[in-house]
Amino acid sequence: MNSTRQSYAIRIIDSLQADIDNPRFWRRRHPRLQRRFRLVLDMLSTDPYAAARSERLRHDFSGLRSAVLVNQWRLIFNVYEECRRDGFQDNNPIDCCRNEVDTLVNTVNVIEISDHYA
């Protein structure tokens, strides 16, 4: 049986991109965070629903997911196809939810690196 896996495009939201391009952003956090961030991005491109203990968030964060990075650090993201399918465009909208940018259905929008306990 030949199974083909769908691959997902990774899109980092502009505000997060500015942070991760700054070396001080990484120095102020866990020493393994940057390496793990890159690894989790690779995992998300293959299967965002199972990568790094991915889970759907609820309540104020419905429509978003989190994945474990290191210790208390989480990667906050959404999967465009899930957002559209389940009608979460109005919850925590980002530019693709508002149709301000062209986005492929199989896109993971990486929104934030968050301290789970902060």
PDB file of N, CA and C in Angstrom:
ATOM      1  N   MET A   1       0.839  -1.172   0.000  1.00  0.00           N
ATOM      2  CA  MET A   1       0.000   0.000   0.000  1.00  0.00           C
ATOM      3  C   MET A   1       0.885   1.237   0.000  1.00  0.00           C
ATOM      4  N   ASN A   2       0.664   2.115  -0.913  1.00  0.00           N
ATOM      5  CA  ASN A   2       1.469   3.322  -1.041  1.00  0.00           C
ATOM      6  C   ASN A   2       0.710   4.495  -0.435  1.00  0.00           C
ATOM      7  N   SER A   3       1.205   4.990   0.689  1.00  0.00           N
ATOM      8  CA  SER A   3       0.526   6.141   1.304  1.00  0.00           C
ATOM      9  C   SER A   3       1.371   7.384   1.088  1.00  0.00           C
ATOM     10  N   THR A   4       0.716   8.421   0.656  1.00  0.00           N
ATOM     11  CA  THR A   4       1.422   9.684   0.477  1.00  0.00           C
ATOM     12  C   THR A   4       0.986  10.626   1.577  1.00  0.00           C
ATOM     13  N   ARG A   5       1.947  11.266   2.166  1.00  0.00           N
ATOM     14  CA  ARG A   5       1.663  12.216   3.232  1.00  0.00           C
ATOM     15  C   ARG A   5       1.558  13.605   2.657  1.00  0.00           C
ATOM     16  N   GLN A   6       0.593  14.315   3.148  1.00  0.00           N
ATOM     17  CA  GLN A   6       0.446  15.710   2.757  1.00  0.00           C
ATOM     18  C   GLN A   6       1.499  16.505   3.518  1.00  0.00           C
ATOM     19  N   SER A   7       2.150  17.414   2.833  1.00  0.00           N
ATOM     20  CA  SER A   7       3.078  18.282   3.551  1.00  0.00           C
ATOM     21  C   SER A   7       2.421  19.645   3.724  1.00  0.00           C
ATOM     22  N   TYR A   8       2.786  20.299   4.791  1.00  0.00           N
ATOM     23  CA  TYR A   8       2.204  21.592   5.148  1.00  0.00           C
ATOM     24  C   TYR A   8       3.254  22.682   5.013  1.00  0.00           C
ATOM     25  N   ALA A   9       2.833  23.800   4.468  1.00  0.00           N
ATOM     26  CA  ALA A   9       3.707  24.970   4.401  1.00  0.00           C
ATOM     27  C   ALA A   9       3.734  25.607   5.784  1.00  0.00           C
ATOM     28  N   ILE A  10       4.899  26.061   6.196  1.00  0.00           N
ATOM     29  CA  ILE A  10       5.043  26.749   7.477  1.00  0.00           C
ATOM     30  C   ILE A  10       5.125  28.240   7.196  1.00  0.00           C
ATOM     31  N   ARG A  11       4.264  28.992   7.839  1.00  0.00           N
ATOM     32  CA  ARG A  11       4.245  30.451   7.683  1.00  0.00           C
ATOM     33  C   ARG A  11       4.364  31.074   9.064  1.00  0.00           C
ATOM     34  N   ILE A  12       5.428  31.817   9.284  1.00  0.00           N
ATOM     35  CA  ILE A  12       5.639  32.473  10.575  1.00  0.00           C
ATOM     36  C   ILE A  12       5.085  33.886  10.484  1.00  0.00           C
ATOM     37  N   ILE A  13       4.199  34.225  11.407  1.00  0.00           N
ATOM     38  CA  ILE A  13       3.576  35.546  11.437  1.00  0.00           C
ATOM     39  C   ILE A  13       4.660  36.605  11.633  1.00  0.00           C
ATOM     40  N   ASP A  14       4.493  37.744  10.977  1.00  0.00           N
ATOM     41  CA  ASP A  14       5.524  38.792  10.949  1.00  0.00           C
ATOM     42  C   ASP A  14       6.043  39.195  12.317  1.00  0.00           C
ATOM     43  N   SER A  15       5.170  39.373  13.297  1.00  0.00           N
ATOM     44  CA  SER A  15       5.627  39.821  14.618  1.00  0.00           C
ATOM     45  C   SER A  15       6.528  38.781  15.277  1.00  0.00           C
ATOM     46  N   LEU A  16       6.236  37.499  15.094  1.00  0.00           N
ATOM     47  CA  LEU A  16       7.104  36.454  15.633  1.00  0.00           C
ATOM     48  C   LEU A  16       8.403  36.393  14.846  1.00  0.00           C
ATOM     49  N   GLN A  17       8.340  36.566  13.541  1.00  0.00           N
ATOM     50  CA  GLN A  17       9.551  36.534  12.720  1.00  0.00           C
ATOM     51  C   GLN A  17      10.546  37.588  13.196  1.00  0.00           C
ATOM     52  N   ALA A  18      10.061  38.768  13.522  1.00  0.00           N
ATOM     53  CA  ALA A  18      10.941  39.831  14.025  1.00  0.00           C
ATOM     54  C   ALA A  18      11.603  39.404  15.332  1.00  0.00           C
ATOM     55  N   ASP A  19      10.860  38.735  16.198  1.00  0.00           N
ATOM     56  CA  ASP A  19      11.431  38.263  17.465  1.00  0.00           C
ATOM     57  C   ASP A  19      12.495  37.203  17.243  1.00  0.00           C
ATOM     58  N   ILE A  20      12.187  36.188  16.440  1.00  0.00           N
ATOM     59  CA  ILE A  20      13.133  35.076  16.300  1.00  0.00           C
ATOM     60  C   ILE A  20      14.368  35.458  15.497  1.00  0.00           C
ATOM     61  N   ASP A  21      14.302  36.543  14.743  1.00  0.00           N
ATOM     62  CA  ASP A  21      15.485  37.033  14.037  1.00  0.00           C
ATOM     63  C   ASP A  21      16.436  37.776  14.971  1.00  0.00           C
ATOM     64  N   ASN A  22      15.987  38.100  16.167  1.00  0.00           N
ATOM     65  CA  ASN A  22      16.787  38.839  17.136  1.00  0.00           C
ATOM     66  C   ASN A  22      17.489  37.851  18.076  1.00  0.00           C
ATOM     67  N   PRO A  23      18.830  37.806  18.082  1.00  0.00           N
ATOM     68  CA  PRO A  23      19.547  36.855  18.946  1.00  0.00           C
ATOM     69  C   PRO A  23      19.209  37.002  20.432  1.00  0.00           C
ATOM     70  N   ARG A  24      18.886  38.206  20.870  1.00  0.00           N
ATOM     71  CA  ARG A  24      18.543  38.401  22.287  1.00  0.00           C
ATOM     72  C   ARG A  24      17.268  37.658  22.663  1.00  0.00           C
ATOM     73  N   PHE A  25      16.366  37.492  21.727  1.00  0.00           N
ATOM     74  CA  PHE A  25      15.135  36.739  21.984  1.00  0.00           C
ATOM     75  C   PHE A  25      15.477  35.340  22.490  1.00  0.00           C
ATOM     76  N   TRP A  26      16.433  34.679  21.847  1.00  0.00           N
ATOM     77  CA  TRP A  26      16.798  33.313  22.212  1.00  0.00           C
ATOM     78  C   TRP A  26      17.625  33.279  23.491  1.00  0.00           C
ATOM     79  N   ARG A  27      18.522  34.244  23.677  1.00  0.00           N
ATOM     80  CA  ARG A  27      19.381  34.247  24.870  1.00  0.00           C
ATOM     81  C   ARG A  27      18.582  34.400  26.154  1.00  0.00           C
ATOM     82  N   ARG A  28      17.457  35.050  26.104  1.00  0.00           N
ATOM     83  CA  ARG A  28      16.642  35.294  27.302  1.00  0.00           C
ATOM     84  C   ARG A  28      15.736  34.111  27.647  1.00  0.00           C
ATOM     85  N   ARG A  29      15.822  33.059  26.904  1.00  0.00           N
ATOM     86  CA  ARG A  29      14.952  31.912  27.125  1.00  0.00           C
ATOM     87  C   ARG A  29      15.772  30.650  27.348  1.00  0.00           C
ATOM     88  N   HIS A  30      15.138  29.536  27.381  1.00  0.00           N
ATOM     89  CA  HIS A  30      15.785  28.244  27.621  1.00  0.00           C
ATOM     90  C   HIS A  30      16.873  27.987  26.577  1.00  0.00           C
ATOM     91  N   PRO A  31      18.038  27.442  26.995  1.00  0.00           N
ATOM     92  CA  PRO A  31      19.152  27.257  26.054  1.00  0.00           C
ATOM     93  C   PRO A  31      18.844  26.333  24.865  1.00  0.00           C
ATOM     94  N   ARG A  32      17.957  25.363  25.046  1.00  0.00           N
ATOM     95  CA  ARG A  32      17.643  24.430  23.950  1.00  0.00           C
ATOM     96  C   ARG A  32      16.455  24.872  23.109  1.00  0.00           C
ATOM     97  N   LEU A  33      15.879  26.007  23.433  1.00  0.00           N
ATOM     98  CA  LEU A  33      14.630  26.420  22.791  1.00  0.00           C
ATOM     99  C   LEU A  33      14.772  26.636  21.286  1.00  0.00           C
ATOM    100  N   GLN A  34      15.823  27.289  20.849  1.00  0.00           N
ATOM    101  CA  GLN A  34      15.973  27.581  19.416  1.00  0.00           C
ATOM    102  C   GLN A  34      16.097  26.294  18.596  1.00  0.00           C
ATOM    103  N   ARG A  35      16.904  25.363  19.075  1.00  0.00           N
ATOM    104  CA  ARG A  35      17.075  24.097  18.351  1.00  0.00           C
ATOM    105  C   ARG A  35      15.754  23.319  18.307  1.00  0.00           C
ATOM    106  N   ARG A  36      15.060  23.279  19.431  1.00  0.00           N
ATOM    107  CA  ARG A  36      13.788  22.565  19.497  1.00  0.00           C
ATOM    108  C   ARG A  36      12.725  23.241  18.616  1.00  0.00           C
ATOM    109  N   PHE A  37      12.745  24.566  18.568  1.00  0.00           N
ATOM    110  CA  PHE A  37      11.829  25.322  17.709  1.00  0.00           C
ATOM    111  C   PHE A  37      11.976  24.861  16.260  1.00  0.00           C
ATOM    112  N   ARG A  38      13.206  24.765  15.788  1.00  0.00           N
ATOM    113  CA  ARG A  38      13.440  24.335  14.400  1.00  0.00           C
ATOM    114  C   ARG A  38      12.978  22.891  14.174  1.00  0.00           C
ATOM    115  N   LEU A  39      13.227  22.039  15.146  1.00  0.00           N
ATOM    116  CA  LEU A  39      12.795  20.645  15.044  1.00  0.00           C
ATOM    117  C   LEU A  39      11.266  20.547  14.988  1.00  0.00           C
ATOM    118  N   VAL A  40      10.591  21.294  15.847  1.00  0.00           N
ATOM    119  CA  VAL A  40       9.122  21.254  15.869  1.00  0.00           C
ATOM    120  C   VAL A  40       8.544  21.817  14.570  1.00  0.00           C
ATOM    121  N   LEU A  41       9.167  22.837  14.003  1.00  0.00           N
ATOM    122  CA  LEU A  41       8.699  23.338  12.698  1.00  0.00           C
ATOM    123  C   LEU A  41       8.747  22.234  11.653  1.00  0.00           C
ATOM    124  N   ASP A  42       9.822  21.444  11.647  1.00  0.00           N
ATOM    125  CA  ASP A  42       9.912  20.316  10.711  1.00  0.00           C
ATOM    126  C   ASP A  42       8.794  19.307  10.970  1.00  0.00           C
ATOM    127  N   MET A  43       8.528  19.033  12.233  1.00  0.00           N
ATOM    128  CA  MET A  43       7.464  18.091  12.582  1.00  0.00           C
ATOM    129  C   MET A  43       6.095  18.619  12.150  1.00  0.00           C
ATOM    130  N   LEU A  44       5.870  19.909  12.340  1.00  0.00           N
ATOM    131  CA  LEU A  44       4.591  20.507  11.943  1.00  0.00           C
ATOM    132  C   LEU A  44       4.379  20.422  10.438  1.00  0.00           C
ATOM    133  N   SER A  45       5.443  20.513   9.674  1.00  0.00           N
ATOM    134  CA  SER A  45       5.305  20.464   8.215  1.00  0.00           C
ATOM    135  C   SER A  45       4.861  19.086   7.735  1.00  0.00           C
ATOM    136  N   THR A  46       5.048  18.078   8.564  1.00  0.00           N
ATOM    137  CA  THR A  46       4.628  16.724   8.221  1.00  0.00           C
ATOM    138  C   THR A  46       3.244  16.392   8.770  1.00  0.00           C
ATOM    139  N   ASP A  47       3.033  16.692  10.058  1.00  0.00           N
ATOM    140  CA  ASP A  47       1.746  16.369  10.685  1.00  0.00           C
ATOM    141  C   ASP A  47       1.471  17.319  11.851  1.00  0.00           C
ATOM    142  N   PRO A  48       0.845  18.457  11.585  1.00  0.00           N
ATOM    143  CA  PRO A  48       0.616  19.436  12.648  1.00  0.00           C
ATOM    144  C   PRO A  48      -0.373  18.969  13.718  1.00  0.00           C
ATOM    145  N   TYR A  49      -1.110  17.925  13.435  1.00  0.00           N
ATOM    146  CA  TYR A  49      -2.102  17.447  14.394  1.00  0.00           C
ATOM    147  C   TYR A  49      -1.497  16.527  15.452  1.00  0.00           C
ATOM    148  N   ALA A  50      -0.317  15.989  15.193  1.00  0.00           N
ATOM    149  CA  ALA A  50       0.315  15.073  16.143  1.00  0.00           C
ATOM    150  C   ALA A  50       1.692  15.547  16.601  1.00  0.00           C
ATOM    151  N   ALA A  51       2.251  16.532  15.963  1.00  0.00           N
ATOM    152  CA  ALA A  51       3.619  16.973  16.257  1.00  0.00           C
ATOM    153  C   ALA A  51       3.744  17.541  17.661  1.00  0.00           C
ATOM    154  N   ALA A  52       4.757  17.100  18.377  1.00  0.00           N
ATOM    155  CA  ALA A  52       5.141  17.673  19.672  1.00  0.00           C
ATOM    156  C   ALA A  52       3.953  17.819  20.618  1.00  0.00           C
ATOM    157  N   ARG A  53       3.159  16.763  20.700  1.00  0.00           N
ATOM    158  CA  ARG A  53       1.965  16.751  21.566  1.00  0.00           C
ATOM    159  C   ARG A  53       1.030  17.916  21.264  1.00  0.00           C
ATOM    160  N   SER A  54       0.830  18.152  19.994  1.00  0.00           N
ATOM    161  CA  SER A  54      -0.073  19.216  19.547  1.00  0.00           C
ATOM    162  C   SER A  54      -1.462  19.002  20.134  1.00  0.00           C
ATOM    163  N   GLU A  55      -2.041  20.093  20.622  1.00  0.00           N
ATOM    164  CA  GLU A  55      -3.404  19.998  21.136  1.00  0.00           C
ATOM    165  C   GLU A  55      -4.173  21.264  20.808  1.00  0.00           C
ATOM    166  N   ARG A  56      -5.469  21.085  20.621  1.00  0.00           N
ATOM    167  CA  ARG A  56      -6.347  22.237  20.375  1.00  0.00           C
ATOM    168  C   ARG A  56      -6.528  23.004  21.667  1.00  0.00           C
ATOM    169  N   LEU A  57      -6.495  24.308  21.544  1.00  0.00           N
ATOM    170  CA  LEU A  57      -6.735  25.159  22.703  1.00  0.00           C
ATOM    171  C   LEU A  57      -8.219  25.483  22.778  1.00  0.00           C
ATOM    172  N   ARG A  58      -8.663  25.897  23.943  1.00  0.00           N
ATOM    173  CA  ARG A  58     -10.092  26.136  24.151  1.00  0.00           C
ATOM    174  C   ARG A  58     -10.343  27.554  24.634  1.00  0.00           C
ATOM    175  N   HIS A  59     -11.598  27.834  24.785  1.00  0.00           N
ATOM    176  CA  HIS A  59     -12.093  29.102  25.338  1.00  0.00           C
ATOM    177  C   HIS A  59     -11.592  30.284  24.513  1.00  0.00           C
ATOM    178  N   ASP A  60     -10.891  31.214  25.136  1.00  0.00           N
ATOM    179  CA  ASP A  60     -10.426  32.413  24.424  1.00  0.00           C
ATOM    180  C   ASP A  60      -9.456  32.085  23.293  1.00  0.00           C
ATOM    181  N   PHE A  61      -8.861  30.904  23.337  1.00  0.00           N
ATOM    182  CA  PHE A  61      -7.863  30.529  22.340  1.00  0.00           C
ATOM    183  C   PHE A  61      -8.379  29.478  21.360  1.00  0.00           C
ATOM    184  N   SER A  62      -9.686  29.272  21.299  1.00  0.00           N
ATOM    185  CA  SER A  62     -10.220  28.273  20.378  1.00  0.00           C
ATOM    186  C   SER A  62      -9.843  28.645  18.948  1.00  0.00           C
ATOM    187  N   GLY A  63      -9.535  27.621  18.182  1.00  0.00           N
ATOM    188  CA  GLY A  63      -9.062  27.827  16.815  1.00  0.00           C
ATOM    189  C   GLY A  63      -7.553  27.786  16.719  1.00  0.00           C
ATOM    190  N   LEU A  64      -6.893  27.826  17.874  1.00  0.00           N
ATOM    191  CA  LEU A  64      -5.434  27.746  17.913  1.00  0.00           C
ATOM    192  C   LEU A  64      -5.017  26.406  18.491  1.00  0.00           C
ATOM    193  N   ARG A  65      -3.762  26.076  18.292  1.00  0.00           N
ATOM    194  CA  ARG A  65      -3.168  24.859  18.839  1.00  0.00           C
ATOM    195  C   ARG A  65      -1.885  25.225  19.559  1.00  0.00           C
ATOM    196  N   SER A  66      -1.437  24.328  20.426  1.00  0.00           N
ATOM    197  CA  SER A  66      -0.119  24.504  21.026  1.00  0.00           C
ATOM    198  C   SER A  66       0.665  23.213  20.847  1.00  0.00           C
ATOM    199  N   ALA A  67       1.971  23.360  20.757  1.00  0.00           N
ATOM    200  CA  ALA A  67       2.886  22.225  20.697  1.00  0.00           C
ATOM    201  C   ALA A  67       3.972  22.473  21.736  1.00  0.00           C
ATOM    202  N   VAL A  68       4.399  21.411  22.394  1.00  0.00           N
ATOM    203  CA  VAL A  68       5.421  21.527  23.432  1.00  0.00           C
ATOM    204  C   VAL A  68       6.783  21.736  22.778  1.00  0.00           C
ATOM    205  N   LEU A  69       7.491  22.762  23.244  1.00  0.00           N
ATOM    206  CA  LEU A  69       8.856  23.002  22.779  1.00  0.00           C
ATOM    207  C   LEU A  69       9.833  22.423  23.793  1.00  0.00           C
ATOM    208  N   VAL A  70       9.998  23.114  24.909  1.00  0.00           N
ATOM    209  CA  VAL A  70      10.916  22.682  25.957  1.00  0.00           C
ATOM    210  C   VAL A  70      10.341  23.155  27.289  1.00  0.00           C
ATOM    211  N   ASN A  71      10.307  22.268  28.274  1.00  0.00           N
ATOM    212  CA  ASN A  71       9.762  22.610  29.592  1.00  0.00           C
ATOM    213  C   ASN A  71       8.429  23.335  29.447  1.00  0.00           C
ATOM    214  N   GLN A  72       8.350  24.567  29.938  1.00  0.00           N
ATOM    215  CA  GLN A  72       7.080  25.299  29.918  1.00  0.00           C
ATOM    216  C   GLN A  72       6.827  26.035  28.610  1.00  0.00           C
ATOM    217  N   TRP A  73       7.752  25.979  27.671  1.00  0.00           N
ATOM    218  CA  TRP A  73       7.629  26.754  26.430  1.00  0.00           C
ATOM    219  C   TRP A  73       6.742  26.042  25.426  1.00  0.00           C
ATOM    220  N   ARG A  74       5.811  26.798  24.828  1.00  0.00           N
ATOM    221  CA  ARG A  74       4.869  26.265  23.848  1.00  0.00           C
ATOM    222  C   ARG A  74       4.920  27.080  22.565  1.00  0.00           C
ATOM    223  N   LEU A  75       4.690  26.402  21.471  1.00  0.00           N
ATOM    224  CA  LEU A  75       4.544  27.051  20.174  1.00  0.00           C
ATOM    225  C   LEU A  75       3.046  27.155  19.904  1.00  0.00           C
ATOM    226  N   ILE A  76       2.560  28.360  19.668  1.00  0.00           N
ATOM    227  CA  ILE A  76       1.141  28.589  19.406  1.00  0.00           C
ATOM    228  C   ILE A  76       0.965  28.762  17.897  1.00  0.00           C
ATOM    229  N   PHE A  77       0.027  28.023  17.323  1.00  0.00           N
ATOM    230  CA  PHE A  77      -0.162  28.045  15.871  1.00  0.00           C
ATOM    231  C   PHE A  77      -1.598  27.687  15.525  1.00  0.00           C
ATOM    232  N   ASN A  78      -1.935  27.880  14.265  1.00  0.00           N
ATOM    233  CA  ASN A  78      -3.190  27.328  13.770  1.00  0.00           C
ATOM    234  C   ASN A  78      -2.917  26.604  12.458  1.00  0.00           C
ATOM    235  N   VAL A  79      -3.812  25.710  12.126  1.00  0.00           N
ATOM    236  CA  VAL A  79      -3.753  24.998  10.852  1.00  0.00           C
ATOM    237  C   VAL A  79      -4.889  25.579  10.018  1.00  0.00           C
ATOM    238  N   TYR A  80      -4.532  26.189   8.920  1.00  0.00           N
ATOM    239  CA  TYR A  80      -5.508  26.933   8.124  1.00  0.00           C
ATOM    240  C   TYR A  80      -6.720  26.087   7.753  1.00  0.00           C
ATOM    241  N   GLU A  81      -6.505  24.839   7.324  1.00  0.00           N
ATOM    242  CA  GLU A  81      -7.634  23.994   6.919  1.00  0.00           C
ATOM    243  C   GLU A  81      -8.577  23.726   8.093  1.00  0.00           C
ATOM    244  N   GLU A  82      -8.031  23.547   9.273  1.00  0.00           N
ATOM    245  CA  GLU A  82      -8.852  23.298  10.456  1.00  0.00           C
ATOM    246  C   GLU A  82      -9.617  24.563  10.857  1.00  0.00           C
ATOM    247  N   CYS A  83      -8.952  25.690  10.777  1.00  0.00           N
ATOM    248  CA  CYS A  83      -9.566  26.979  11.112  1.00  0.00           C
ATOM    249  C   CYS A  83     -10.779  27.238  10.216  1.00  0.00           C
ATOM    250  N   ARG A  84     -10.619  27.037   8.920  1.00  0.00           N
ATOM    251  CA  ARG A  84     -11.709  27.277   7.971  1.00  0.00           C
ATOM    252  C   ARG A  84     -12.808  26.224   8.119  1.00  0.00           C
ATOM    253  N   ARG A  85     -12.418  24.972   8.238  1.00  0.00           N
ATOM    254  CA  ARG A  85     -13.393  23.879   8.316  1.00  0.00           C
ATOM    255  C   ARG A  85     -14.287  24.008   9.549  1.00  0.00           C
ATOM    256  N   ASP A  86     -13.687  24.389  10.681  1.00  0.00           N
ATOM    257  CA  ASP A  86     -14.428  24.431  11.939  1.00  0.00           C
ATOM    258  C   ASP A  86     -14.968  25.818  12.273  1.00  0.00           C
ATOM    259  N   GLY A  87     -14.789  26.776  11.365  1.00  0.00           N
ATOM    260  CA  GLY A  87     -15.382  28.097  11.526  1.00  0.00           C
ATOM    261  C   GLY A  87     -14.747  28.977  12.585  1.00  0.00           C
ATOM    262  N   PHE A  88     -13.422  28.889  12.735  1.00  0.00           N
ATOM    263  CA  PHE A  88     -12.734  29.677  13.754  1.00  0.00           C
ATOM    264  C   PHE A  88     -12.150  30.981  13.221  1.00  0.00           C
ATOM    265  N   GLN A  89     -12.566  31.424  12.041  1.00  0.00           N
ATOM    266  CA  GLN A  89     -11.979  32.626  11.449  1.00  0.00           C
ATOM    267  C   GLN A  89     -12.142  33.860  12.335  1.00  0.00           C
ATOM    268  N   ASP A  90     -13.204  33.923  13.105  1.00  0.00           N
ATOM    269  CA  ASP A  90     -13.444  35.101  13.941  1.00  0.00           C
ATOM    270  C   ASP A  90     -12.763  35.019  15.300  1.00  0.00           C
ATOM    271  N   ASN A  91     -12.359  33.817  15.702  1.00  0.00           N
ATOM    272  CA  ASN A  91     -11.650  33.653  16.975  1.00  0.00           C
ATOM    273  C   ASN A  91     -10.166  33.887  16.707  1.00  0.00           C
ATOM    274  N   ASN A  92      -9.559  34.798  17.427  1.00  0.00           N
ATOM    275  CA  ASN A  92      -8.128  35.057  17.282  1.00  0.00           C
ATOM    276  C   ASN A  92      -7.729  35.214  15.819  1.00  0.00           C
ATOM    277  N   PRO A  93      -8.384  36.099  15.071  1.00  0.00           N
ATOM    278  CA  PRO A  93      -8.110  36.191  13.634  1.00  0.00           C
ATOM    279  C   PRO A  93      -6.719  36.736  13.339  1.00  0.00           C
ATOM    280  N   ILE A  94      -6.099  36.132  12.367  1.00  0.00           N
ATOM    281  CA  ILE A  94      -4.843  36.649  11.827  1.00  0.00           C
ATOM    282  C   ILE A  94      -5.113  36.997  10.370  1.00  0.00           C
ATOM    283  N   ASP A  95      -4.138  37.564   9.702  1.00  0.00           N
ATOM    284  CA  ASP A  95      -4.372  38.088   8.353  1.00  0.00           C
ATOM    285  C   ASP A  95      -4.959  37.071   7.386  1.00  0.00           C
ATOM    286  N   CYS A  96      -4.562  35.808   7.487  1.00  0.00           N
ATOM    287  CA  CYS A  96      -5.114  34.819   6.551  1.00  0.00           C
ATOM    288  C   CYS A  96      -6.582  34.535   6.846  1.00  0.00           C
ATOM    289  N   CYS A  97      -6.975  34.616   8.108  1.00  0.00           N
ATOM    290  CA  CYS A  97      -8.390  34.408   8.465  1.00  0.00           C
ATOM    291  C   CYS A  97      -9.274  35.506   7.896  1.00  0.00           C
ATOM    292  N   ARG A  98      -8.705  36.683   7.768  1.00  0.00           N
ATOM    293  CA  ARG A  98      -9.456  37.826   7.232  1.00  0.00           C
ATOM    294  C   ARG A  98      -9.272  37.958   5.718  1.00  0.00           C
ATOM    295  N   ASN A  99      -8.650  36.941   5.101  1.00  0.00           N
ATOM    296  CA  ASN A  99      -8.396  36.922   3.657  1.00  0.00           C
ATOM    297  C   ASN A  99      -7.561  38.112   3.194  1.00  0.00           C
ATOM    298  N   GLU A 100      -6.647  38.578   4.047  1.00  0.00           N
ATOM    299  CA  GLU A 100      -5.763  39.685   3.677  1.00  0.00           C
ATOM    300  C   GLU A 100      -4.523  39.207   2.930  1.00  0.00           C
ATOM    301  N   VAL A 101      -4.242  37.928   3.020  1.00  0.00           N
ATOM    302  CA  VAL A 101      -3.125  37.338   2.282  1.00  0.00           C
ATOM    303  C   VAL A 101      -3.610  36.031   1.667  1.00  0.00           C
ATOM    304  N   ASP A 102      -2.993  35.638   0.572  1.00  0.00           N
ATOM    305  CA  ASP A 102      -3.312  34.347  -0.032  1.00  0.00           C
ATOM    306  C   ASP A 102      -2.641  33.259   0.791  1.00  0.00           C
ATOM    307  N   THR A 103      -3.411  32.271   1.194  1.00  0.00           N
ATOM    308  CA  THR A 103      -2.887  31.190   2.016  1.00  0.00           C
ATOM    309  C   THR A 103      -3.357  29.867   1.445  1.00  0.00           C
ATOM    310  N   LEU A 104      -2.440  28.929   1.321  1.00  0.00           N
ATOM    311  CA  LEU A 104      -2.799  27.589   0.892  1.00  0.00           C
ATOM    312  C   LEU A 104      -3.561  26.897   2.012  1.00  0.00           C
ATOM    313  N   VAL A 105      -4.444  26.000   1.652  1.00  0.00           N
ATOM    314  CA  VAL A 105      -5.236  25.279   2.644  1.00  0.00           C
ATOM    315  C   VAL A 105      -4.333  24.515   3.605  1.00  0.00           C
ATOM    316  N   ASN A 106      -3.278  23.921   3.090  1.00  0.00           N
ATOM    317  CA  ASN A 106      -2.385  23.138   3.937  1.00  0.00           C
ATOM    318  C   ASN A 106      -1.225  24.006   4.452  1.00  0.00           C
ATOM    319  N   THR A 107      -1.582  25.035   5.217  1.00  0.00           N
ATOM    320  CA  THR A 107      -0.600  25.946   5.799  1.00  0.00           C
ATOM    321  C   THR A 107      -0.730  25.944   7.312  1.00  0.00           C
ATOM    322  N   VAL A 108       0.417  25.899   7.977  1.00  0.00           N
ATOM    323  CA  VAL A 108       0.481  26.065   9.422  1.00  0.00           C
ATOM    324  C   VAL A 108       0.963  27.484   9.679  1.00  0.00           C
ATOM    325  N   ASN A 109       0.162  28.263  10.378  1.00  0.00           N
ATOM    326  CA  ASN A 109       0.516  29.640  10.728  1.00  0.00           C
ATOM    327  C   ASN A 109       1.082  29.650  12.145  1.00  0.00           C
ATOM    328  N   VAL A 110       2.373  29.915  12.258  1.00  0.00           N
ATOM    329  CA  VAL A 110       3.032  29.941  13.563  1.00  0.00           C
ATOM    330  C   VAL A 110       2.896  31.350  14.114  1.00  0.00           C
ATOM    331  N   ILE A 111       2.289  31.458  15.286  1.00  0.00           N
ATOM    332  CA  ILE A 111       1.875  32.749  15.812  1.00  0.00           C
ATOM    333  C   ILE A 111       2.752  33.249  16.948  1.00  0.00           C
ATOM    334  N   GLU A 112       3.142  32.354  17.856  1.00  0.00           N
ATOM    335  CA  GLU A 112       3.806  32.828  19.070  1.00  0.00           C
ATOM    336  C   GLU A 112       4.585  31.709  19.743  1.00  0.00           C
ATOM    337  N   ILE A 113       5.645  32.084  20.447  1.00  0.00           N
ATOM    338  CA  ILE A 113       6.315  31.201  21.394  1.00  0.00           C
ATOM    339  C   ILE A 113       5.928  31.725  22.765  1.00  0.00           C
ATOM    340  N   SER A 114       5.343  30.872  23.572  1.00  0.00           N
ATOM    341  CA  SER A 114       4.733  31.327  24.817  1.00  0.00           C
ATOM    342  C   SER A 114       5.244  30.535  26.014  1.00  0.00           C
ATOM    343  N   ASP A 115       5.419  31.232  27.130  1.00  0.00           N
ATOM    344  CA  ASP A 115       5.721  30.592  28.404  1.00  0.00           C
ATOM    345  C   ASP A 115       4.384  30.150  28.993  1.00  0.00           C
ATOM    346  N   HIS A 116       4.194  28.857  29.073  1.00  0.00           N
ATOM    347  CA  HIS A 116       2.913  28.285  29.494  1.00  0.00           C
ATOM    348  C   HIS A 116       2.487  28.754  30.880  1.00  0.00           C
ATOM    349  N   TYR A 117       3.454  29.045  31.739  1.00  0.00           N
ATOM    350  CA  TYR A 117       3.133  29.395  33.125  1.00  0.00           C
ATOM    351  C   TYR A 117       3.209  30.885  33.410  1.00  0.00           C
ATOM    352  N   ALA A 118       3.468  31.695  32.403  1.00  0.00           N
ATOM    353  CA  ALA A 118       3.585  33.146  32.641  1.00  0.00           C
ATOM    354  C   ALA A 118       2.230  33.792  32.763  1.00  0.00           C
TER     355      ALA A 118
END
